[in-house]
Amino acid sequence: MKSLSFILAVLMLTLTAKPCSDGQNFEDQQQEELSLDHNHQDDNDDSCPITCICSCCGMSIAYEPLTPFEFTFHSSISTLLTTNYQSIYRFDFHSNIWQPPQA
């Protein structure tokens, strides 16, 4: 069982290290656009590993500018005590069990 898990771990490591090489058929393309549609029926050099998404599967990239995040720092310290703690222990409790026996 350990050898099988080792083999699968090495397989996944090699598949993630293998780069995508999507074969493009340039004979069927007439123009260049933002989104390219090309024929992949006769390609024999598509070697997309299972952990990679090549351009034949369709990939979209969305660019969104980053907005700066500013921290607001408040330096005032409150001295107001806001607690609702109520002690449930009573130290003035005298029960009859601690009294000496009476005749």
N, C-alpha and C. Protein backbone atom coordinates (compact mmCIF):
# COMPACT_ATOMS: atom_id res chain seq x y z
N MET A 1 0.81 -1.19 0.00
CA MET A 1 0.00 0.00 0.00
C MET A 1 0.87 1.27 0.00
N LYS A 2 1.99 1.20 0.72
CA LYS A 2 2.89 2.35 0.74
C LYS A 2 3.53 2.56 -0.62
N SER A 3 3.85 1.47 -1.30
CA SER A 3 4.48 1.62 -2.61
C SER A 3 3.49 2.21 -3.63
N LEU A 4 2.22 1.83 -3.53
CA LEU A 4 1.22 2.38 -4.43
C LEU A 4 1.03 3.88 -4.18
N SER A 5 1.00 4.28 -2.93
CA SER A 5 0.86 5.71 -2.63
C SER A 5 2.11 6.48 -3.06
N PHE A 6 3.28 5.87 -2.95
CA PHE A 6 4.50 6.52 -3.42
C PHE A 6 4.49 6.68 -4.93
N ILE A 7 4.05 5.67 -5.65
CA ILE A 7 3.99 5.74 -7.12
C ILE A 7 3.00 6.82 -7.56
N LEU A 8 1.84 6.89 -6.88
CA LEU A 8 0.86 7.91 -7.24
C LEU A 8 1.37 9.31 -6.90
N ALA A 9 2.11 9.45 -5.81
CA ALA A 9 2.67 10.76 -5.46
C ALA A 9 3.70 11.20 -6.48
N VAL A 10 4.55 10.30 -6.93
CA VAL A 10 5.56 10.63 -7.94
C VAL A 10 4.88 10.95 -9.27
N LEU A 11 3.82 10.23 -9.61
CA LEU A 11 3.08 10.48 -10.84
C LEU A 11 2.45 11.88 -10.83
N MET A 12 1.82 12.24 -9.72
CA MET A 12 1.21 13.57 -9.62
C MET A 12 2.27 14.67 -9.65
N LEU A 13 3.41 14.42 -9.04
CA LEU A 13 4.49 15.40 -9.05
C LEU A 13 5.02 15.61 -10.46
N THR A 14 5.21 14.56 -11.20
CA THR A 14 5.71 14.70 -12.57
C THR A 14 4.67 15.32 -13.49
N LEU A 15 3.39 15.04 -13.27
CA LEU A 15 2.36 15.63 -14.12
C LEU A 15 2.20 17.12 -13.86
N THR A 16 2.41 17.56 -12.64
CA THR A 16 2.31 18.99 -12.37
C THR A 16 3.56 19.72 -12.84
N ALA A 17 4.68 19.05 -12.93
CA ALA A 17 5.91 19.69 -13.40
C ALA A 17 5.97 19.76 -14.92
N LYS A 18 5.18 18.96 -15.62
CA LYS A 18 5.20 18.94 -17.08
C LYS A 18 4.45 20.16 -17.62
N PRO A 19 5.06 20.94 -18.50
CA PRO A 19 4.38 22.15 -19.00
C PRO A 19 3.33 21.80 -20.04
N CYS A 20 2.41 22.72 -20.23
CA CYS A 20 1.40 22.56 -21.27
C CYS A 20 2.02 22.88 -22.62
N SER A 21 1.74 22.05 -23.59
CA SER A 21 2.20 22.34 -24.95
C SER A 21 1.04 22.02 -25.88
N ASP A 22 0.20 23.01 -26.06
CA ASP A 22 -0.99 22.85 -26.88
C ASP A 22 -0.61 23.04 -28.34
N GLY A 23 -0.80 22.02 -29.13
CA GLY A 23 -0.48 22.11 -30.55
C GLY A 23 -1.54 22.91 -31.29
N GLN A 24 -1.11 23.90 -32.04
CA GLN A 24 -2.05 24.73 -32.77
C GLN A 24 -1.92 24.46 -34.25
N ASN A 25 -3.05 24.36 -34.87
CA ASN A 25 -3.09 24.08 -36.30
C ASN A 25 -3.20 25.42 -37.03
N PHE A 26 -2.07 25.95 -37.50
CA PHE A 26 -2.05 27.28 -38.09
C PHE A 26 -2.57 27.29 -39.53
N GLU A 27 -2.75 26.14 -40.16
CA GLU A 27 -3.24 26.12 -41.53
C GLU A 27 -4.72 26.49 -41.60
N ASP A 28 -5.47 26.26 -40.52
CA ASP A 28 -6.90 26.51 -40.55
C ASP A 28 -7.27 27.90 -40.04
N GLN A 29 -6.31 28.70 -39.65
CA GLN A 29 -6.61 30.02 -39.12
C GLN A 29 -6.44 31.07 -40.19
N GLN A 30 -7.45 31.93 -40.31
CA GLN A 30 -7.38 32.99 -41.31
C GLN A 30 -7.09 34.35 -40.67
N GLN A 31 -7.47 34.55 -39.42
CA GLN A 31 -7.27 35.86 -38.79
C GLN A 31 -6.98 35.66 -37.31
N GLU A 32 -6.40 36.69 -36.75
CA GLU A 32 -6.11 36.66 -35.33
C GLU A 32 -7.15 37.50 -34.61
N GLU A 33 -7.69 36.95 -33.55
CA GLU A 33 -8.70 37.65 -32.77
C GLU A 33 -8.30 37.57 -31.31
N LEU A 34 -9.15 38.16 -30.47
CA LEU A 34 -8.92 38.07 -29.04
C LEU A 34 -9.17 36.65 -28.55
N SER A 35 -10.18 36.02 -29.09
CA SER A 35 -10.41 34.62 -28.79
C SER A 35 -10.18 33.82 -30.07
N LEU A 36 -9.32 32.87 -30.00
CA LEU A 36 -8.95 32.11 -31.18
C LEU A 36 -9.69 30.78 -31.19
N ASP A 37 -10.33 30.49 -32.30
CA ASP A 37 -10.96 29.19 -32.50
C ASP A 37 -10.17 28.49 -33.60
N HIS A 38 -9.65 27.33 -33.29
CA HIS A 38 -8.89 26.62 -34.29
C HIS A 38 -9.27 25.15 -34.25
N ASN A 39 -8.97 24.50 -35.33
CA ASN A 39 -9.36 23.11 -35.50
C ASN A 39 -8.32 22.21 -34.84
N HIS A 40 -8.77 21.32 -34.00
CA HIS A 40 -7.87 20.40 -33.32
C HIS A 40 -8.10 18.95 -33.73
N GLN A 41 -8.72 18.74 -34.84
CA GLN A 41 -9.04 17.36 -35.21
C GLN A 41 -7.82 16.60 -35.70
N ASP A 42 -6.92 17.27 -36.38
CA ASP A 42 -5.76 16.58 -36.94
C ASP A 42 -4.49 16.82 -36.16
N ASP A 43 -4.58 17.43 -34.98
CA ASP A 43 -3.39 17.67 -34.19
C ASP A 43 -2.96 16.38 -33.51
N ASN A 44 -1.68 16.13 -33.56
CA ASN A 44 -1.16 14.97 -32.85
C ASN A 44 -0.13 15.36 -31.81
N ASP A 45 0.06 16.67 -31.61
CA ASP A 45 1.05 17.10 -30.64
C ASP A 45 0.42 17.82 -29.44
N ASP A 46 -0.85 17.59 -29.19
CA ASP A 46 -1.47 18.10 -27.97
C ASP A 46 -1.06 17.20 -26.82
N SER A 47 -0.20 17.68 -25.98
CA SER A 47 0.22 16.87 -24.84
C SER A 47 -0.11 17.62 -23.56
N CYS A 48 -1.39 17.77 -23.32
CA CYS A 48 -1.83 18.44 -22.11
C CYS A 48 -1.88 17.42 -20.97
N PRO A 49 -1.15 17.66 -19.91
CA PRO A 49 -1.28 16.76 -18.77
C PRO A 49 -2.63 16.96 -18.09
N ILE A 50 -3.01 16.03 -17.24
CA ILE A 50 -4.34 16.10 -16.63
C ILE A 50 -4.44 17.21 -15.61
N THR A 51 -3.33 17.75 -15.14
CA THR A 51 -3.38 18.83 -14.17
C THR A 51 -3.30 20.20 -14.82
N CYS A 52 -3.33 20.28 -16.15
CA CYS A 52 -3.17 21.54 -16.86
C CYS A 52 -4.38 21.76 -17.76
N ILE A 53 -4.75 23.02 -17.95
CA ILE A 53 -5.83 23.37 -18.86
C ILE A 53 -5.18 24.09 -20.04
N CYS A 54 -5.16 23.45 -21.18
CA CYS A 54 -4.54 24.06 -22.35
C CYS A 54 -5.55 24.93 -23.07
N SER A 55 -5.11 25.62 -24.11
CA SER A 55 -5.98 26.57 -24.78
C SER A 55 -7.07 25.89 -25.61
N CYS A 56 -6.95 24.61 -25.87
CA CYS A 56 -8.02 23.94 -26.60
C CYS A 56 -9.24 23.73 -25.70
N CYS A 57 -9.03 23.76 -24.39
CA CYS A 57 -10.14 23.61 -23.46
C CYS A 57 -10.80 24.95 -23.17
N GLY A 58 -10.18 26.03 -23.54
CA GLY A 58 -10.73 27.35 -23.31
C GLY A 58 -10.26 27.91 -21.99
N MET A 59 -9.61 29.01 -22.03
CA MET A 59 -9.08 29.63 -20.82
C MET A 59 -9.39 31.11 -20.89
N SER A 60 -9.92 31.65 -19.82
CA SER A 60 -10.19 33.08 -19.79
C SER A 60 -9.40 33.71 -18.66
N ILE A 61 -8.90 34.89 -18.93
CA ILE A 61 -8.12 35.63 -17.94
C ILE A 61 -8.84 36.95 -17.70
N ALA A 62 -9.16 37.21 -16.46
CA ALA A 62 -9.84 38.46 -16.11
C ALA A 62 -8.87 39.33 -15.32
N TYR A 63 -8.72 40.55 -15.75
CA TYR A 63 -7.84 41.48 -15.06
C TYR A 63 -8.70 42.45 -14.27
N GLU A 64 -8.44 42.54 -13.00
CA GLU A 64 -9.15 43.50 -12.16
C GLU A 64 -8.11 44.26 -11.36
N PRO A 65 -8.11 45.58 -11.49
CA PRO A 65 -7.08 46.35 -10.77
C PRO A 65 -7.27 46.24 -9.26
N LEU A 66 -6.15 46.25 -8.56
CA LEU A 66 -6.20 46.16 -7.12
C LEU A 66 -6.49 47.52 -6.52
N THR A 67 -7.37 47.53 -5.55
CA THR A 67 -7.67 48.77 -4.85
C THR A 67 -6.91 48.77 -3.53
N PRO A 68 -6.31 49.89 -3.19
CA PRO A 68 -5.54 49.93 -1.94
C PRO A 68 -6.47 49.85 -0.73
N PHE A 69 -6.03 49.14 0.27
CA PHE A 69 -6.78 48.98 1.50
C PHE A 69 -6.10 49.76 2.59
N GLU A 70 -6.86 50.63 3.24
CA GLU A 70 -6.29 51.46 4.29
C GLU A 70 -6.83 51.04 5.64
N PHE A 71 -5.93 50.89 6.59
CA PHE A 71 -6.32 50.55 7.94
C PHE A 71 -6.69 51.83 8.70
N THR A 72 -7.74 51.73 9.46
CA THR A 72 -8.09 52.85 10.34
C THR A 72 -7.61 52.50 11.73
N PHE A 73 -6.83 53.40 12.31
CA PHE A 73 -6.22 53.13 13.60
C PHE A 73 -6.83 54.06 14.64
N HIS A 74 -7.45 53.48 15.66
CA HIS A 74 -8.04 54.25 16.75
C HIS A 74 -7.16 54.06 17.98
N SER A 75 -6.67 55.16 18.52
CA SER A 75 -5.75 55.07 19.65
C SER A 75 -6.42 55.33 21.00
N SER A 76 -7.72 55.52 21.03
CA SER A 76 -8.39 55.78 22.30
C SER A 76 -8.66 54.45 23.02
N ILE A 77 -8.41 54.44 24.32
CA ILE A 77 -8.61 53.25 25.13
C ILE A 77 -9.77 53.52 26.07
N SER A 78 -10.71 52.63 26.08
CA SER A 78 -11.89 52.80 26.92
C SER A 78 -11.60 52.31 28.33
N THR A 79 -12.05 53.07 29.32
CA THR A 79 -11.91 52.65 30.72
C THR A 79 -13.24 52.17 31.28
N LEU A 80 -14.27 52.11 30.48
CA LEU A 80 -15.57 51.67 30.92
C LEU A 80 -15.58 50.15 31.04
N LEU A 81 -15.98 49.66 32.21
CA LEU A 81 -16.06 48.22 32.42
C LEU A 81 -17.44 47.73 32.01
N THR A 82 -17.44 46.87 31.04
CA THR A 82 -18.71 46.30 30.58
C THR A 82 -18.64 44.80 30.76
N THR A 83 -19.05 44.33 31.91
CA THR A 83 -19.03 42.91 32.17
C THR A 83 -20.35 42.51 32.81
N ASN A 84 -20.76 41.32 32.53
CA ASN A 84 -21.99 40.77 33.09
C ASN A 84 -21.69 39.54 33.92
N TYR A 85 -20.49 39.41 34.40
CA TYR A 85 -20.10 38.22 35.16
C TYR A 85 -20.74 38.26 36.54
N GLN A 86 -21.39 37.16 36.89
CA GLN A 86 -21.98 37.01 38.21
C GLN A 86 -21.45 35.71 38.79
N SER A 87 -20.87 35.81 39.94
CA SER A 87 -20.31 34.63 40.57
C SER A 87 -21.44 33.74 41.10
N ILE A 88 -21.35 32.45 40.83
CA ILE A 88 -22.39 31.53 41.31
C ILE A 88 -21.96 30.85 42.60
N TYR A 89 -20.78 31.16 43.09
CA TYR A 89 -20.29 30.55 44.32
C TYR A 89 -20.69 31.41 45.52
N ARG A 90 -21.18 30.75 46.55
CA ARG A 90 -21.54 31.45 47.78
C ARG A 90 -20.61 30.94 48.87
N PHE A 91 -19.93 31.86 49.49
CA PHE A 91 -18.99 31.47 50.53
C PHE A 91 -19.60 31.52 51.93
N ASP A 92 -20.80 32.05 52.04
CA ASP A 92 -21.46 32.09 53.34
C ASP A 92 -22.49 30.98 53.49
N PHE A 93 -22.34 29.92 52.76
CA PHE A 93 -23.28 28.81 52.77
C PHE A 93 -22.92 27.84 53.89
N HIS A 94 -23.88 27.59 54.78
CA HIS A 94 -23.69 26.64 55.87
C HIS A 94 -24.78 25.60 55.77
N SER A 95 -24.38 24.44 55.51
CA SER A 95 -25.34 23.37 55.39
C SER A 95 -25.38 22.56 56.68
N ASN A 96 -26.44 21.82 56.87
CA ASN A 96 -26.58 20.99 58.07
C ASN A 96 -25.64 19.80 58.08
N ILE A 97 -25.07 19.47 56.95
CA ILE A 97 -24.19 18.31 56.91
C ILE A 97 -22.88 18.58 57.65
N TRP A 98 -22.50 19.83 57.78
CA TRP A 98 -21.25 20.14 58.45
C TRP A 98 -21.44 20.41 59.96
N GLN A 99 -22.65 20.28 60.43
CA GLN A 99 -22.93 20.45 61.86
C GLN A 99 -22.68 19.13 62.59
N PRO A 100 -22.22 19.18 63.85
CA PRO A 100 -22.02 17.94 64.60
C PRO A 100 -23.38 17.29 64.91
N PRO A 101 -23.37 15.99 65.04
CA PRO A 101 -24.64 15.30 65.33
C PRO A 101 -25.23 15.77 66.67
N GLN A 102 -26.50 15.90 66.69
CA GLN A 102 -27.18 16.35 67.90
C GLN A 102 -28.05 15.21 68.41
N ALA A 103 -28.11 15.08 69.73
CA ALA A 103 -28.87 14.00 70.34
C ALA A 103 -30.26 14.40 70.70
